[in-house]
Protein backbone atom coordinates (compact mmCIF):
# COMPACT_ATOMS: atom_id res chain seq x y z
CA MET A 1 95.34 87.18 84.30
CA ASP A 2 95.51 91.22 83.86
CA LEU A 3 92.71 92.24 86.41
CA LEU A 4 91.05 95.49 87.26
CA VAL A 5 88.54 95.90 90.44
CA VAL A 6 86.78 99.10 90.21
CA GLY A 7 85.59 99.99 93.81
CA ALA A 8 88.20 99.47 96.26
CA GLY A 9 86.80 99.09 99.49
CA ALA A 10 86.23 96.03 101.69
CA MET A 11 85.01 94.40 99.21
CA GLY A 12 87.11 94.66 95.83
CA ARG A 13 89.80 94.33 98.29
CA TRP A 14 88.79 90.80 99.06
CA PHE A 15 87.94 89.84 95.70
CA GLY A 16 91.73 92.01 95.54
CA ARG A 17 93.95 89.58 97.65
CA THR A 18 91.09 86.29 96.65
CA VAL A 19 92.06 86.54 92.65
CA ASP A 20 95.14 84.91 91.89
CA ALA A 21 96.07 87.79 89.96
CA GLU A 22 97.62 90.80 91.06
CA PRO A 23 95.47 93.88 90.79
CA ALA A 24 94.82 97.23 89.27
CA PHE A 25 92.70 99.15 91.19
CA ALA A 26 90.32 102.12 90.10
CA ASP A 27 87.97 104.21 92.82
CA VAL A 28 86.50 107.97 92.36
CA ASP A 29 88.49 108.73 95.60
CA LEU A 30 92.34 108.47 94.48
CA ASP A 31 93.41 108.15 97.96
CA VAL A 32 91.01 104.83 98.54
CA ALA A 33 92.76 103.12 95.22
CA GLU A 34 96.01 103.62 96.20
CA SER A 35 94.55 101.93 100.10
CA ALA A 36 93.86 99.39 98.25
CA ALA A 37 96.78 99.37 96.16
CA ASP A 38 98.70 99.34 99.21
CA GLU A 39 96.91 96.79 101.40
CA VAL A 40 96.38 94.40 98.80
CA GLY A 41 99.74 94.78 96.75
CA GLY A 42 98.62 96.55 93.09
CA ARG A 43 99.10 99.10 91.00
CA VAL A 44 96.60 102.14 90.79
CA VAL A 45 94.33 103.50 87.56
CA PRO A 46 92.44 106.02 86.74
CA PHE A 47 88.73 105.91 86.90
CA ASP A 48 87.96 106.63 83.73
CA GLY A 49 90.97 105.86 81.87
CA ASP A 50 90.92 103.71 78.92
CA GLU A 51 93.71 101.04 79.66
CA GLN A 52 92.49 97.36 79.11
CA PHE A 53 92.01 93.94 81.15
CA ASP A 54 91.10 90.58 80.91
CA LEU A 55 89.09 91.03 83.47
CA VAL A 56 87.12 93.42 85.20
CA CYS A 57 85.32 93.00 88.47
CA LEU A 58 83.54 95.49 89.57
CA ALA A 59 82.50 96.28 93.40
CA VAL A 60 80.58 98.96 93.86
CA PRO A 61 77.24 100.08 95.54
CA MET A 62 74.51 97.95 94.27
CA GLY A 63 72.42 100.81 92.55
CA LEU A 64 75.32 101.51 90.98
CA ALA A 65 76.47 98.61 89.35
CA GLU A 66 74.68 98.52 85.58
CA GLU A 67 75.43 101.81 84.79
CA ALA A 68 79.06 100.94 86.32
CA ILE A 69 79.21 98.53 83.37
CA ALA A 70 77.28 100.26 80.89
CA GLU A 71 80.74 102.68 82.03
CA HIS A 72 83.17 99.91 82.23
CA ALA A 73 81.97 97.47 79.59
CA HIS A 74 85.20 99.14 76.81
CA ARG A 75 88.16 97.88 78.73
CA ALA A 76 86.78 94.10 79.60
CA THR A 77 88.86 92.18 76.80
CA GLY A 78 87.76 88.43 78.27
CA GLY A 79 84.92 88.46 80.90
CA MET A 80 83.31 91.03 83.01
CA CYS A 81 82.10 90.09 87.09
CA ASP A 82 80.13 91.73 89.62
CA VAL A 83 80.24 91.52 93.62
CA THR A 84 77.70 94.35 94.05
CA GLY A 85 74.79 91.57 95.90
CA ALA A 86 72.25 91.49 92.94
CA MET A 87 72.09 89.60 89.92
CA GLY A 88 69.13 90.22 88.09
CA GLY A 89 70.61 93.97 87.06
CA PRO A 90 74.16 93.08 86.89
CA VAL A 91 73.62 90.35 84.70
CA SER A 92 71.19 91.97 81.93
CA ALA A 93 73.58 94.69 81.75
CA MET A 94 76.38 92.63 81.29
CA ARG A 95 74.41 91.23 78.09
CA GLU A 96 73.99 94.42 76.66
CA HIS A 97 77.60 96.05 77.36
CA LEU A 98 79.28 92.29 76.74
CA PRO A 99 77.37 90.48 74.10
CA ASP A 100 80.65 88.18 73.02
CA ARG A 101 82.70 87.95 75.86
CA GLU A 102 82.84 86.44 79.55
CA ARG A 103 80.49 87.46 81.97
CA PHE A 104 79.63 86.25 84.97
CA SER A 105 77.98 87.42 88.95
CA LEU A 106 78.98 87.24 92.24
CA HIS A 107 78.26 87.44 95.52
CA PRO A 108 79.34 86.93 98.70
CA LEU A 109 76.88 86.40 101.09
CA PHE A 110 79.20 87.00 104.30
CA ALA A 111 81.24 90.73 105.57
CA PRO A 112 84.67 89.80 104.20
CA GLN A 113 86.14 90.27 106.95
CA ASN A 114 84.34 86.89 108.38
CA ALA A 115 85.28 85.02 104.37
CA PRO A 116 85.85 83.09 103.82
CA GLY A 117 82.19 81.79 103.63
CA ASN A 118 79.21 80.89 100.58
CA VAL A 119 79.80 83.17 97.37
CA ALA A 120 76.63 82.48 95.33
CA VAL A 121 77.95 82.72 90.90
CA VAL A 122 75.65 83.46 87.94
CA SER A 123 77.42 81.89 85.52
CA ASP A 124 76.31 83.55 82.13
CA THR A 125 78.80 82.82 80.08
CA THR A 126 81.47 80.53 80.99
CA GLY A 127 84.60 80.45 79.81
CA PRO A 128 89.03 80.31 81.09
CA LEU A 129 88.59 83.58 84.07
CA ALA A 130 85.42 82.50 85.35
CA ASP A 131 86.42 79.59 85.94
CA ALA A 132 89.96 80.64 87.55
CA VAL A 133 87.92 83.24 89.37
CA CYS A 134 85.80 80.18 90.53
CA ALA A 135 89.11 77.86 91.06
CA ASP A 136 90.62 80.86 93.27
CA LEU A 137 87.49 81.64 95.62
CA SER A 138 87.73 77.90 96.55
CA THR A 139 91.24 77.27 97.01
CA ALA A 140 91.06 80.01 100.31
CA GLY A 141 88.46 77.99 101.24
CA ASN A 142 84.64 79.77 99.95
CA HIS A 143 82.26 77.42 99.03
CA VAL A 144 81.54 78.63 96.00
CA PHE A 145 77.58 77.37 94.18
CA GLU A 146 75.49 78.08 90.90
CA THR A 147 72.65 80.21 91.32
CA THR A 148 69.85 82.15 88.05
CA PRO A 149 69.31 85.92 89.34
CA ASP A 150 65.63 85.26 89.80
CA GLU A 151 66.38 82.52 92.49
CA HIS A 152 69.62 84.92 94.04
CA ASP A 153 67.18 87.83 94.46
CA ALA A 154 64.68 85.52 95.56
CA ALA A 155 66.01 84.67 98.08
CA MET A 156 67.19 88.53 99.65
CA GLU A 157 64.19 89.23 99.91
CA THR A 158 64.19 86.68 103.10
CA VAL A 159 67.87 86.64 104.05
CA GLN A 160 68.64 89.71 103.86
CA ALA A 161 65.97 92.42 103.17
CA ALA A 162 63.57 90.74 105.25
CA ALA A 163 66.02 89.85 108.01
CA HIS A 164 67.82 92.86 108.34
CA ALA A 165 64.19 94.76 108.59
CA ALA A 166 63.06 92.44 111.95
CA VAL A 167 66.25 92.67 113.68
CA LEU A 168 66.48 96.55 113.15
CA ALA A 169 62.77 96.91 114.38
CA PHE A 170 63.24 94.89 117.09
CA GLY A 171 66.47 97.60 118.18
CA LEU A 172 64.29 100.22 117.25
CA ALA A 173 61.46 98.81 119.48
CA ALA A 174 63.51 98.25 122.78
CA ASP A 175 63.68 98.91 125.69
CA ASP A 176 67.06 99.74 127.49
CA VAL A 177 66.41 97.40 130.10
CA ARG A 178 68.75 95.73 133.24
CA ASP A 179 70.98 93.32 131.90
CA GLU A 180 70.16 90.36 134.21
CA PHE A 181 65.90 90.77 132.18
CA ALA A 182 67.74 89.31 129.76
CA THR A 183 66.69 85.70 128.18
CA PRO A 184 68.42 84.10 126.25
CA ILE A 185 65.52 85.31 122.96
CA SER A 186 66.44 88.13 123.88
CA ALA A 187 70.83 88.59 124.25
CA ALA A 188 70.47 86.26 120.96
CA LEU A 189 68.18 89.86 119.65
CA ASP A 190 70.53 92.27 121.09
CA GLU A 191 73.75 90.72 119.35
CA LEU A 192 72.24 90.43 116.09
CA VAL A 193 71.37 94.28 116.18
CA THR A 194 74.42 95.34 116.76
CA ALA A 195 75.94 93.22 114.44
CA VAL A 196 73.56 94.84 111.67
CA SER A 197 74.31 98.70 113.37
CA GLY A 198 78.01 98.44 113.46
CA GLY A 199 78.11 98.33 109.48
CA THR A 200 77.51 100.84 106.88
CA PRO A 201 74.34 102.57 106.45
CA ARG A 202 73.90 102.67 103.07
CA VAL A 203 74.99 99.06 102.46
CA TYR A 204 72.03 97.82 104.51
CA THR A 205 69.75 100.80 102.40
CA ASP A 206 70.61 99.51 99.37
CA ILE A 207 69.47 96.32 99.89
CA GLN A 208 66.51 97.34 101.00
CA SER A 209 65.73 99.47 98.04
CA GLN A 210 66.49 96.07 95.80
CA PHE A 211 64.57 94.17 98.33
CA GLY A 212 62.88 95.83 100.12
CA ALA A 213 59.41 93.24 99.05
CA GLY A 214 60.75 91.10 101.92
CA THR A 215 61.17 94.52 103.78
CA ASP A 216 57.35 94.22 103.69
CA ARG A 217 56.75 91.23 104.30
CA VAL A 218 58.03 91.30 107.66
CA ALA A 219 55.87 94.44 108.55
CA ASP A 220 52.72 92.78 107.46
CA ALA A 221 53.72 90.02 109.66
CA ALA A 222 54.11 91.90 112.66
CA ARG A 223 51.42 93.58 111.76
CA ALA A 224 49.13 90.31 111.57
CA LEU A 225 51.03 88.90 115.32
CA ALA A 226 49.56 92.79 116.90
CA MET A 227 46.38 92.75 115.60
CA ALA A 228 45.96 88.63 116.51
CA ASP A 229 43.49 87.79 118.65
CA ASP A 230 44.36 84.39 121.04
CA GLU A 231 42.98 81.39 118.49
CA THR A 232 44.65 83.68 115.23
CA PHE A 233 48.44 84.65 117.15
CA ALA A 234 48.57 80.38 117.65
CA ASP A 235 48.02 79.54 114.77
CA LEU A 236 50.57 81.76 113.74
CA TYR A 237 52.77 80.17 116.26
CA ARG A 238 52.05 77.19 115.28
CA ALA A 239 52.66 77.87 111.50
CA VAL A 240 56.32 78.89 112.10
CA ALA A 241 56.83 75.55 114.64
CA SER A 242 55.53 73.42 112.08
CA THR A 243 57.27 74.90 109.04
CA GLY A 244 60.46 76.45 109.91
CA ALA A 245 58.81 79.83 107.84
CA VAL A 246 55.54 80.34 106.60
CA SER A 247 53.13 82.86 104.69
CA LEU A 248 50.43 84.56 105.94
CA ASP A 249 48.30 83.58 103.38
CA ASP A 250 48.73 80.31 104.10
CA VAL A 251 47.38 81.27 108.02
CA SER A 252 43.53 81.62 107.78
CA ASP A 253 43.02 84.73 108.76
CA ALA A 254 45.64 86.05 109.56
CA ASP A 255 44.82 89.36 108.76
CA THR A 256 42.67 90.15 110.77
């Protein structure tokens, strides 16, 4: 398989080393592409080149995915995939620009340094390229599971946007207290704040921009808890305790 990876950052390098192909890397920053080729193996090609490949994988920032699909579709003779983290927009763009080629969207649900893990996949059109990539991901120890663009993007509102917002909100609200005062809950939250804040701001900004409804729900929930009287607070607590998660719409008077 001739493979072009567009975007030579951490996720592009993960894909290039995990799939059984010698990759070519293209990036707007030539130094980054050269570093990826040195680290993973393979070669560097111009970002705006016309050389064609069996498969083109887009590992660009989420907000640039649809533009990149349009820009690089002509380089894919067999198919295209992406690992950008959103699925609705990329899948629609690939349908438009690659109507007669394989199209699939992958979302590794982990940072590359934490691989292997769960990988969501939308197989919009199946074929030998998609089958080979998914087999390689499984061989590397990942759990590859099928989803739809709508299911995936709705889930990301909870598992990414809402989760990150809740953790960062605690980090912003927490005072600096002596370690001896830590409880198991606060210590666990401190660890999560460290994990989230040790990433790249743009990644989290893109997630909030794409899946911000989850953040809005966290804000609504925090407001409901802050304004609740004792009885309403207890109702909210019991609702979460009984289900693990609950919509505010399911709890009467939650917004009073």
